[in-house]
Amino acid sequence: MAFVPKTWADGSAGGTPITAAELNRIEAGVAGVDADQEALAGLVSTQAATISNLTDTVTALAARVTALEGEPAG
């Protein structure tokens, strides 16, 4: 569920008193963002490892192609 921000107004006439329910709503929003950030960091780490492996594979294939290009045609 997306976090829905609230527009706060100063003073008791502002209609936005600071209550435990409001503070808990904010805390839940922050916790949700933190959890999403941790999940995203895990995905980025996994993708970085995949890219590294692909780079190694491409480098090895390039070396093989270079070696094959140097062999006489059979």
Protein backbone atom coordinates (compact mmCIF):
# COMPACT_ATOMS: atom_id res chain seq x y z
CA MET A 1 0.00 0.00 0.00
CA ALA A 2 1.35 3.42 -0.90
CA PHE A 3 2.10 5.86 1.87
CA VAL A 4 -0.37 8.74 1.88
CA PRO A 5 1.14 11.96 3.26
CA LYS A 6 -0.90 14.24 5.46
CA THR A 7 -0.84 18.03 5.35
CA TRP A 8 -0.22 19.22 8.88
CA ALA A 9 -1.39 22.56 10.29
CA ASP A 10 -0.08 24.30 13.42
CA GLY A 11 -2.24 24.83 16.48
CA SER A 12 -5.29 23.11 17.91
CA ALA A 13 -7.48 24.72 15.24
CA GLY A 14 -5.35 23.11 12.52
CA GLY A 15 -7.29 19.87 12.83
CA THR A 16 -4.16 17.70 12.78
CA PRO A 17 -3.34 16.83 16.38
CA ILE A 18 -0.30 14.70 17.05
CA THR A 19 -1.72 11.42 18.28
CA ALA A 20 -0.33 7.95 18.86
CA ALA A 21 -2.30 6.75 15.84
CA GLU A 22 -0.72 9.41 13.59
CA LEU A 23 2.77 8.72 14.93
CA ASN A 24 2.23 4.98 14.38
CA ARG A 25 1.06 5.67 10.82
CA ILE A 26 4.25 7.63 10.16
CA GLU A 27 6.39 4.92 11.78
CA ALA A 28 4.71 2.27 9.60
CA GLY A 29 5.45 4.37 6.50
CA VAL A 30 9.11 4.72 7.47
CA ALA A 31 9.37 1.00 8.25
CA GLY A 32 7.85 0.19 4.86
CA VAL A 33 10.35 2.39 3.04
CA ASP A 34 13.20 0.80 5.01
CA ALA A 35 12.03 -2.71 4.12
CA ASP A 36 11.68 -1.75 0.45
CA GLN A 37 15.17 -0.24 0.46
CA GLU A 38 16.66 -3.41 1.96
CA ALA A 39 14.89 -5.57 -0.62
CA LEU A 40 16.09 -3.31 -3.42
CA ALA A 41 19.67 -3.43 -2.12
CA GLY A 42 19.49 -7.23 -2.22
CA LEU A 43 18.26 -7.18 -5.81
CA VAL A 44 21.00 -4.76 -6.84
CA SER A 45 23.62 -6.98 -5.22
CA THR A 46 22.27 -10.04 -7.05
CA GLN A 47 22.23 -8.21 -10.37
CA ALA A 48 25.79 -6.96 -9.82
CA ALA A 49 26.95 -10.54 -9.27
CA THR A 50 25.12 -11.67 -12.42
CA ILE A 51 26.71 -8.88 -14.46
CA SER A 52 30.13 -9.80 -13.10
CA ASN A 53 29.60 -13.44 -14.07
CA LEU A 54 28.45 -12.42 -17.55
CA THR A 55 31.51 -10.20 -17.94
CA ASP A 56 33.76 -13.12 -17.02
CA THR A 57 31.94 -15.36 -19.52
CA VAL A 58 32.22 -12.81 -22.33
CA THR A 59 35.92 -12.32 -21.59
CA ALA A 60 36.52 -16.08 -21.69
CA LEU A 61 34.57 -16.42 -24.94
CA ALA A 62 36.50 -13.55 -26.51
CA ALA A 63 39.77 -15.26 -25.59
CA ARG A 64 38.54 -18.51 -27.17
CA VAL A 65 37.49 -16.71 -30.36
CA THR A 66 40.86 -15.01 -30.54
CA ALA A 67 42.60 -18.38 -30.10
CA LEU A 68 40.43 -20.02 -32.76
CA GLU A 69 41.09 -17.18 -35.19
CA GLY A 70 44.82 -17.90 -34.87
CA GLU A 71 44.43 -21.61 -35.80
CA PRO A 72 44.69 -22.72 -39.41
CA ALA A 73 41.39 -23.60 -41.10
CA GLY A 74 40.81 -27.30 -41.07
